[in-house]
Every structure is written in C-alpha cells, then in structure tokens.
C-alpha atoms as a PDB file:
ATOM      1  CA  UNK A   1     -50.469   4.365  19.498  1.00  0.00           C
ATOM      2  CA  UNK A   2     -50.738   2.978  16.009  1.00  0.00           C
ATOM      3  CA  UNK A   3     -53.306   0.462  15.229  1.00  0.00           C
ATOM      4  CA  UNK A   4     -52.358  -2.962  13.934  1.00  0.00           C
ATOM      5  CA  UNK A   5     -53.107  -2.253  10.248  1.00  0.00           C
ATOM      6  CA  UNK A   6     -50.673   0.647  10.142  1.00  0.00           C
ATOM      7  CA  UNK A   7     -47.993  -1.393  11.925  1.00  0.00           C
ATOM      8  CA  UNK A   8     -48.465  -4.232   9.431  1.00  0.00           C
ATOM      9  CA  UNK A   9     -48.093  -1.752   6.568  1.00  0.00           C
ATOM     10  CA  UNK A  10     -44.794  -0.442   7.952  1.00  0.00           C
ATOM     11  CA  UNK A  11     -43.524  -3.970   8.388  1.00  0.00           C
ATOM     12  CA  UNK A  12     -44.398  -4.733   4.742  1.00  0.00           C
ATOM     13  CA  UNK A  13     -42.508  -1.655   3.529  1.00  0.00           C
ATOM     14  CA  UNK A  14     -39.511  -2.499   5.690  1.00  0.00           C
ATOM     15  CA  UNK A  15     -39.490  -6.026   4.288  1.00  0.00           C
ATOM     16  CA  UNK A  16     -39.710  -4.802   0.673  1.00  0.00           C
ATOM     17  CA  UNK A  17     -36.948  -2.227   1.150  1.00  0.00           C
ATOM     18  CA  UNK A  18     -34.701  -4.726   2.909  1.00  0.00           C
ATOM     19  CA  UNK A  19     -35.278  -7.250   0.105  1.00  0.00           C
ATOM     20  CA  UNK A  20     -34.389  -4.664  -2.544  1.00  0.00           C
ATOM     21  CA  UNK A  21     -31.260  -3.727  -0.608  1.00  0.00           C
ATOM     22  CA  UNK A  22     -30.170  -7.366  -0.311  1.00  0.00           C
ATOM     23  CA  UNK A  23     -30.814  -7.977  -4.037  1.00  0.00           C
ATOM     24  CA  UNK A  24     -28.816  -4.872  -4.941  1.00  0.00           C
ATOM     25  CA  UNK A  25     -25.906  -5.988  -2.774  1.00  0.00           C
ATOM     26  CA  UNK A  26     -25.980  -9.482  -4.300  1.00  0.00           C
ATOM     27  CA  UNK A  27     -25.966  -8.019  -7.813  1.00  0.00           C
ATOM     28  CA  UNK A  28     -23.077  -5.710  -6.912  1.00  0.00           C
ATOM     29  CA  UNK A  29     -21.076  -8.625  -5.495  1.00  0.00           C
ATOM     30  CA  UNK A  30     -21.721 -10.631  -8.669  1.00  0.00           C
ATOM     31  CA  UNK A  31     -20.547  -7.736 -10.822  1.00  0.00           C
ATOM     32  CA  UNK A  32     -17.432  -7.332  -8.705  1.00  0.00           C
ATOM     33  CA  UNK A  33     -16.518 -10.995  -9.143  1.00  0.00           C
ATOM     34  CA  UNK A  34     -17.097 -10.793 -12.901  1.00  0.00           C
ATOM     35  CA  UNK A  35     -14.972  -7.655 -13.221  1.00  0.00           C
ATOM     36  CA  UNK A  36     -12.158  -9.326 -11.292  1.00  0.00           C
ATOM     37  CA  UNK A  37     -12.311 -12.326 -13.647  1.00  0.00           C
ATOM     38  CA  UNK A  38     -12.243 -10.097 -16.724  1.00  0.00           C
ATOM     39  CA  UNK A  39      -9.345  -8.120 -15.318  1.00  0.00           C
ATOM     40  CA  UNK A  40      -7.372 -11.325 -14.812  1.00  0.00           C
ATOM     41  CA  UNK A  41      -8.171 -12.510 -18.333  1.00  0.00           C
ATOM     42  CA  UNK A  42      -7.149  -9.160 -19.810  1.00  0.00           C
ATOM     43  CA  UNK A  43      -3.865  -9.220 -17.895  1.00  0.00           C
ATOM     44  CA  UNK A  44      -3.110 -12.709 -19.244  1.00  0.00           C
ATOM     45  CA  UNK A  45      -3.842 -11.587 -22.816  1.00  0.00           C
ATOM     46  CA  UNK A  46      -1.585  -8.542 -22.464  1.00  0.00           C
ATOM     47  CA  UNK A  47       1.232 -10.777 -21.234  1.00  0.00           C
ATOM     48  CA  UNK A  48       0.611 -13.133 -24.172  1.00  0.00           C
ATOM     49  CA  UNK A  49       0.934 -10.170 -26.563  1.00  0.00           C
ATOM     50  CA  UNK A  50       4.227  -9.200 -24.939  1.00  0.00           C
ATOM     51  CA  UNK A  51       5.618 -12.744 -25.201  1.00  0.00           C
ATOM     52  CA  UNK A  52       4.535 -13.097 -28.833  1.00  0.00           C
ATOM     53  CA  UNK A  53       6.137  -9.785 -29.793  1.00  0.00           C
ATOM     54  CA  UNK A  54       9.317 -10.822 -28.009  1.00  0.00           C
ATOM     55  CA  UNK A  55       9.326 -14.156 -29.874  1.00  0.00           C
ATOM     56  CA  UNK A  56       8.838 -12.340 -33.195  1.00  0.00           C
ATOM     57  CA  UNK A  57      11.712  -9.960 -32.379  1.00  0.00           C
ATOM     58  CA  UNK A  58      13.992 -12.813 -31.353  1.00  0.00           C
ATOM     59  CA  UNK A  59      13.082 -14.684 -34.551  1.00  0.00           C
ATOM     60  CA  UNK A  60      13.877 -11.612 -36.647  1.00  0.00           C
ATOM     61  CA  UNK A  61      17.280 -11.348 -34.943  1.00  0.00           C
ATOM     62  CA  UNK A  62      18.026 -15.031 -35.623  1.00  0.00           C
ATOM     63  CA  UNK A  63      16.923 -14.643 -39.243  1.00  0.00           C
ATOM     64  CA  UNK A  64      19.161 -11.590 -39.685  1.00  0.00           C
ATOM     65  CA  UNK A  65      22.137 -13.380 -38.107  1.00  0.00           C
ATOM     66  CA  UNK A  66      21.809 -16.890 -39.579  1.00  0.00           C
ATOM     67  CA  UNK A  67      19.790 -16.272 -42.738  1.00  0.00           C
ATOM     68  CA  UNK A  68      17.192 -18.907 -41.874  1.00  0.00           C
ATOM     69  CA  UNK A  69      14.771 -19.978 -39.151  1.00  0.00           C
ATOM     70  CA  UNK A  70      14.142 -23.468 -37.803  1.00  0.00           C
ATOM     71  CA  UNK A  71      10.759 -24.853 -38.766  1.00  0.00           C
ATOM     72  CA  UNK A  72       9.823 -25.474 -35.104  1.00  0.00           C
ATOM     73  CA  UNK A  73      11.024 -23.294 -32.259  1.00  0.00           C
ATOM     74  CA  UNK A  74      10.500 -22.853 -28.554  1.00  0.00           C
ATOM     75  CA  UNK A  75      10.630 -19.494 -26.790  1.00  0.00           C
ATOM     76  CA  UNK A  76      13.947 -17.756 -27.500  1.00  0.00           C
ATOM     77  CA  UNK A  77      13.907 -15.590 -24.357  1.00  0.00           C
ATOM     78  CA  UNK A  78      14.484 -16.306 -20.686  1.00  0.00           C
ATOM     79  CA  UNK A  79      12.472 -19.070 -19.060  1.00  0.00           C
ATOM     80  CA  UNK A  80      11.497 -16.715 -16.225  1.00  0.00           C
ATOM     81  CA  UNK A  81       9.520 -14.636 -18.752  1.00  0.00           C
ATOM     82  CA  UNK A  82       7.053 -17.512 -19.047  1.00  0.00           C
ATOM     83  CA  UNK A  83       5.772 -17.310 -15.448  1.00  0.00           C
ATOM     84  CA  UNK A  84       3.945 -14.321 -14.048  1.00  0.00           C
ATOM     85  CA  UNK A  85       1.333 -13.961 -11.277  1.00  0.00           C
ATOM     86  CA  UNK A  86       0.892 -17.737 -10.910  1.00  0.00           C
ATOM     87  CA  UNK A  87       0.200 -18.005 -14.640  1.00  0.00           C
ATOM     88  CA  UNK A  88       2.425 -20.221 -16.752  1.00  0.00           C
ATOM     89  CA  UNK A  89       2.731 -19.488 -20.460  1.00  0.00           C
ATOM     90  CA  UNK A  90       3.913 -21.687 -23.302  1.00  0.00           C
ATOM     91  CA  UNK A  91       5.287 -20.102 -26.462  1.00  0.00           C
ATOM     92  CA  UNK A  92       5.996 -21.977 -29.663  1.00  0.00           C
ATOM     93  CA  UNK A  93       6.754 -20.941 -33.191  1.00  0.00           C
ATOM     94  CA  UNK A  94       6.563 -22.396 -36.657  1.00  0.00           C
ATOM     95  CA  UNK A  95       8.387 -20.912 -39.628  1.00  0.00           C
ATOM     96  CA  UNK A  96       8.274 -21.650 -43.330  1.00  0.00           C
ATOM     97  CA  UNK A  97      10.135 -19.974 -46.175  1.00  0.00           C
ATOM     98  CA  UNK A  98       8.407 -19.128 -49.423  1.00  0.00           C
ATOM     99  CA  UNK A  99       9.947 -18.864 -52.898  1.00  0.00           C
ATOM    100  CA  UNK A 100      10.467 -15.077 -52.559  1.00  0.00           C
ATOM    101  CA  UNK A 101      12.793 -15.368 -49.569  1.00  0.00           C
ATOM    102  CA  UNK A 102      10.142 -14.351 -47.063  1.00  0.00           C
ATOM    103  CA  UNK A 103       9.485 -16.303 -43.898  1.00  0.00           C
ATOM    104  CA  UNK A 104       5.969 -16.938 -42.628  1.00  0.00           C
ATOM    105  CA  UNK A 105       6.083 -17.084 -38.855  1.00  0.00           C
ATOM    106  CA  UNK A 106       3.284 -18.415 -36.659  1.00  0.00           C
ATOM    107  CA  UNK A 107       3.712 -17.786 -32.924  1.00  0.00           C
ATOM    108  CA  UNK A 108       1.318 -19.538 -30.546  1.00  0.00           C
ATOM    109  CA  UNK A 109       0.991 -18.525 -26.906  1.00  0.00           C
ATOM    110  CA  UNK A 110      -1.083 -20.644 -24.505  1.00  0.00           C
ATOM    111  CA  UNK A 111      -1.673 -20.164 -20.805  1.00  0.00           C
ATOM    112  CA  UNK A 112      -3.775 -21.293 -17.871  1.00  0.00           C
ATOM    113  CA  UNK A 113      -4.949 -18.820 -15.254  1.00  0.00           C
ATOM    114  CA  UNK A 114      -7.542 -19.365 -12.530  1.00  0.00           C
ATOM    115  CA  UNK A 115      -8.675 -22.647 -14.037  1.00  0.00           C
ATOM    116  CA  UNK A 116      -9.241 -21.111 -17.479  1.00  0.00           C
ATOM    117  CA  UNK A 117      -7.067 -21.668 -20.485  1.00  0.00           C
ATOM    118  CA  UNK A 118      -6.292 -19.177 -23.196  1.00  0.00           C
ATOM    119  CA  UNK A 119      -4.648 -19.291 -26.583  1.00  0.00           C
ATOM    120  CA  UNK A 120      -3.521 -16.617 -29.005  1.00  0.00           C
ATOM    121  CA  UNK A 121      -1.941 -17.012 -32.432  1.00  0.00           C
ATOM    122  CA  UNK A 122       0.135 -14.367 -34.157  1.00  0.00           C
ATOM    123  CA  UNK A 123       1.222 -14.457 -37.796  1.00  0.00           C
ATOM    124  CA  UNK A 124       4.014 -12.369 -39.228  1.00  0.00           C
ATOM    125  CA  UNK A 125       5.936 -12.217 -42.450  1.00  0.00           C
ATOM    126  CA  UNK A 126       9.678 -11.771 -41.875  1.00  0.00           C
ATOM    127  CA  UNK A 127      12.487 -10.908 -44.276  1.00  0.00           C
ATOM    128  CA  UNK A 128      16.202 -10.943 -43.677  1.00  0.00           C
ATOM    129  CA  UNK A 129      17.746  -7.510 -43.278  1.00  0.00           C
ATOM    130  CA  UNK A 130      21.016  -7.162 -45.117  1.00  0.00           C
END
C-alpha cells in the first residue's frame, strides 16, 4: 500500500493535469468561436464585393446606353441579390461627371450580420464606350 504522502502527490498531479486539460479545451472553444465569427465576416465582405462589382457593371451598361448616370442610384440588379444567409445588404451609388466626360462612381455597400454591421466603399472612374 502507498503511504498518504505519495497518494497526496498523485492527487496533486491529477489535479494539475486536469486543470491544464480544462484550460486547453476552453482556449480551443474560444478559438473556434472566433474563427466562426471571422468566417462569417469574411463571407459578408465577399458578398459585398460581388454586389459592388455588379453595381459598377450595371452602371457602365447604363452609361453606355444612355450616355449619362443619375447622381443618386439604388441597386440596379434583382432585389433577391440583396439577401443571403440571413444577411441583408444595401447598395447605393453616387455619380458625378467631370469636365473630361468621365464619371466618378462611388458605390457603398452596407450590411448587418450576426449583430455586427459592415460597410465598404468602392470608387471607380467610368467612361462611355462608343
């Protein structure tokens, strides 16, 4: 049989190892949650890029067809493009012509996902294709 001092030493080691294991698991769970949040944020930003590029393409098509752009514009595409994975996006555009016949386009995309809001702005210079 072991004496009491040796049993107390084993209990101490078991307690230390269990504590380290629990701390490691808690840290891993925290990292998992953070990675999931970052993945959701990245997905929202990718979708915002897609919507902004679509808005720029639609604006270029309108400029080529009509020869001008409205100073304020909403999203030119389908309304269903603005909702994905329980995230609702808002796309707006502002255009201004300069004296050289170029159009300065500012596209703003905002969204709210998982209680966090995001905003991206995209600037492009457009010219009418003849």
